[in-house]
Amino acid sequence: MIELFWAWVIGNYKGIGLLLLIAGVAGYVAILRHSVQKQELAIAAREADIATLKKDLDNAKVAISSMKEGMKTFQGFVNEALVSLKTTQNKINTQNRNLQRALDNIAIIAVAAKRILDAPTVPFFMGDNVAGSAILLGVDNGVYRFGVLPPLSPTH
């Protein structure tokens, strides 16, 4: 029986060869189709990734512009604080110069005074308000020591 099969195969080798060739081409086409479908899926996945990245990029651009606006606002606050600080510093420097002049004037009067009790009192300022007075306590080797008196009562 096997001999008959081989005889039939040899007698029909052209048809069998053609059938095998068709089957081979069909298998190759199936492999190519599968490869194309795999590439299409990969392309679709990449397109989805690109769309996601575009959305992320747009969100990042919005975030960066928001951060720029926030930094501008923050810089404005810092500039206002610096201006306020400079204004306050200038005011303190002016008050310190005025106080130094007053102390210098008192030192001149204190040198002329015969006793500490004859020395004048100096107003002691806290901001724009007089918080109390300072009085000359003593002179040690040309260094004038002042003490702060208690605040004046509102009735005075």
Protein backbone atom coordinates (compact mmCIF):
# COMPACT_ATOMS: atom_id res chain seq x y z
CA MET A 1 0.00 0.00 0.00
CA ILE A 2 2.85 2.30 0.68
CA GLU A 3 4.21 1.43 -2.70
CA LEU A 4 0.96 2.54 -4.30
CA PHE A 5 1.15 5.81 -2.42
CA TRP A 6 4.68 6.44 -3.62
CA ALA A 7 3.69 5.51 -7.14
CA TRP A 8 0.82 7.99 -7.00
CA VAL A 9 3.13 10.70 -5.58
CA ILE A 10 5.67 10.13 -8.34
CA GLY A 11 2.96 10.13 -11.00
CA ASN A 12 1.42 13.35 -9.68
CA TYR A 13 4.57 15.16 -8.58
CA LYS A 14 3.73 18.30 -10.57
CA GLY A 15 0.32 18.67 -8.92
CA ILE A 16 1.71 17.86 -5.48
CA GLY A 17 4.58 20.29 -6.06
CA LEU A 18 2.12 22.98 -7.13
CA LEU A 19 -0.07 22.23 -4.09
CA LEU A 20 2.97 22.46 -1.79
CA LEU A 21 4.00 25.72 -3.49
CA ILE A 22 0.50 27.16 -3.01
CA ALA A 23 0.49 26.03 0.63
CA GLY A 24 3.93 27.61 1.16
CA VAL A 25 2.84 30.90 -0.40
CA ALA A 26 -0.38 30.86 1.66
CA GLY A 27 1.65 30.25 4.83
CA TYR A 28 4.04 33.05 3.91
CA VAL A 29 1.10 35.40 3.24
CA ALA A 30 -0.39 34.44 6.63
CA ILE A 31 2.94 35.17 8.32
CA LEU A 32 3.18 38.52 6.49
CA ARG A 33 -0.43 39.37 7.44
CA HIS A 34 0.31 38.55 11.09
CA SER A 35 3.46 40.70 10.93
CA VAL A 36 1.51 43.62 9.39
CA GLN A 37 -1.20 43.33 12.08
CA LYS A 38 1.49 43.31 14.77
CA GLN A 39 3.07 46.45 13.24
CA GLU A 40 -0.36 48.13 13.05
CA LEU A 41 -0.93 47.41 16.76
CA ALA A 42 2.52 48.81 17.58
CA ILE A 43 1.81 51.93 15.50
CA ALA A 44 -1.57 52.40 17.22
CA ALA A 45 0.11 52.06 20.63
CA ARG A 46 2.76 54.62 19.63
CA GLU A 47 0.08 57.01 18.39
CA ALA A 48 -1.73 56.66 21.72
CA ASP A 49 1.56 57.34 23.53
CA ILE A 50 2.18 60.39 21.35
CA ALA A 51 -1.32 61.70 22.11
CA THR A 52 -0.70 61.20 25.84
CA LEU A 53 2.65 62.95 25.58
CA LYS A 54 1.03 65.86 23.72
CA LYS A 55 -1.52 66.23 26.53
CA ASP A 56 1.24 66.05 29.12
CA LEU A 57 3.24 68.66 27.19
CA ASP A 58 0.22 70.97 27.04
CA ASN A 59 -0.34 70.50 30.78
CA ALA A 60 3.34 71.21 31.42
CA LYS A 61 3.14 74.40 29.34
CA VAL A 62 0.12 75.56 31.34
CA ALA A 63 1.90 74.70 34.60
CA ILE A 64 5.02 76.58 33.53
CA SER A 65 3.02 79.67 32.58
CA SER A 66 1.19 79.47 35.92
CA MET A 67 4.53 79.18 37.71
CA LYS A 68 5.80 82.23 35.80
CA GLU A 69 2.76 84.23 36.91
CA GLY A 70 3.22 82.99 40.48
CA MET A 71 6.89 83.97 40.42
CA LYS A 72 5.98 87.43 39.09
CA THR A 73 3.47 87.85 41.92
CA PHE A 74 5.99 86.57 44.46
CA GLN A 75 8.64 88.93 43.04
CA GLY A 76 6.15 91.78 43.40
CA PHE A 77 5.59 90.88 47.06
CA VAL A 78 9.34 90.65 47.64
CA ASN A 79 9.87 94.05 46.00
CA GLU A 80 7.12 95.59 48.13
CA ALA A 81 8.68 94.06 51.25
CA LEU A 82 12.09 95.43 50.28
CA VAL A 83 10.66 98.91 49.73
CA SER A 84 8.87 98.71 53.08
CA LEU A 85 12.05 97.47 54.74
CA LYS A 86 14.08 100.32 53.24
CA THR A 87 11.45 102.85 54.31
CA THR A 88 11.43 101.48 57.85
CA GLN A 89 15.21 101.36 57.91
CA ASN A 90 15.43 104.97 56.76
CA LYS A 91 12.91 105.99 59.44
CA ILE A 92 14.92 104.13 62.12
CA ASN A 93 18.15 105.73 60.88
CA THR A 94 16.55 109.18 61.05
CA GLN A 95 15.29 108.51 64.58
CA ASN A 96 18.71 107.19 65.59
CA ARG A 97 20.41 110.34 64.23
CA ASN A 98 17.92 112.53 66.10
CA LEU A 99 18.46 110.55 69.30
CA GLN A 100 22.23 110.73 68.86
CA ARG A 101 22.01 114.51 68.43
CA ALA A 102 19.89 114.76 71.57
CA LEU A 103 22.36 112.58 73.50
CA ASP A 104 25.27 114.62 72.20
CA ASN A 105 23.51 117.80 73.36
CA ILE A 106 22.88 116.23 76.76
CA ALA A 107 26.50 115.13 77.00
CA ILE A 108 27.58 118.73 76.44
CA ILE A 109 25.14 119.90 79.14
CA ALA A 110 26.24 117.05 81.44
CA VAL A 111 29.85 118.09 81.17
CA ALA A 112 28.84 121.59 82.17
CA ALA A 113 26.68 120.30 85.07
CA LYS A 114 28.26 120.34 88.48
CA ARG A 115 26.22 117.42 89.77
CA ILE A 116 24.43 114.45 88.16
CA LEU A 117 21.18 115.79 89.54
CA ASP A 118 21.63 118.91 87.40
CA ALA A 119 21.80 116.76 84.25
CA PRO A 120 18.74 116.95 81.98
CA THR A 121 16.43 114.08 81.05
CA VAL A 122 16.10 112.91 77.45
CA PRO A 123 12.86 111.60 75.94
CA PHE A 124 13.08 107.88 75.08
CA PHE A 125 11.12 107.02 71.94
CA MET A 126 9.38 103.79 70.97
CA GLY A 127 8.28 104.34 67.41
CA ASP A 128 6.53 107.72 67.30
CA ASN A 129 5.52 107.68 71.00
CA VAL A 130 7.49 108.82 73.98
CA ALA A 131 7.80 105.74 76.17
CA GLY A 132 9.76 107.29 78.96
CA SER A 133 12.81 109.37 79.69
CA ALA A 134 16.49 108.68 79.99
CA ILE A 135 18.64 110.36 82.63
CA LEU A 136 22.38 110.61 82.92
CA LEU A 137 23.54 108.20 85.61
CA GLY A 138 27.21 108.90 85.50
CA VAL A 139 30.31 109.71 83.50
CA ASP A 140 33.13 107.15 83.64
CA ASN A 141 36.30 108.20 81.85
CA GLY A 142 34.36 110.16 79.23
CA VAL A 143 31.69 107.44 78.78
CA TYR A 144 28.21 108.67 79.58
CA ARG A 145 25.86 106.12 81.16
CA PHE A 146 22.14 106.75 80.84
CA GLY A 147 19.24 104.99 82.56
CA VAL A 148 15.62 104.76 81.42
CA LEU A 149 13.06 106.23 83.77
CA PRO A 150 9.61 104.65 84.14
CA PRO A 151 6.95 105.88 81.69
CA LEU A 152 5.03 108.98 82.60
CA SER A 153 1.49 108.48 83.84
CA PRO A 154 -1.30 109.72 81.51
CA THR A 155 -2.25 112.46 84.03
CA HIS A 156 1.05 114.30 83.50
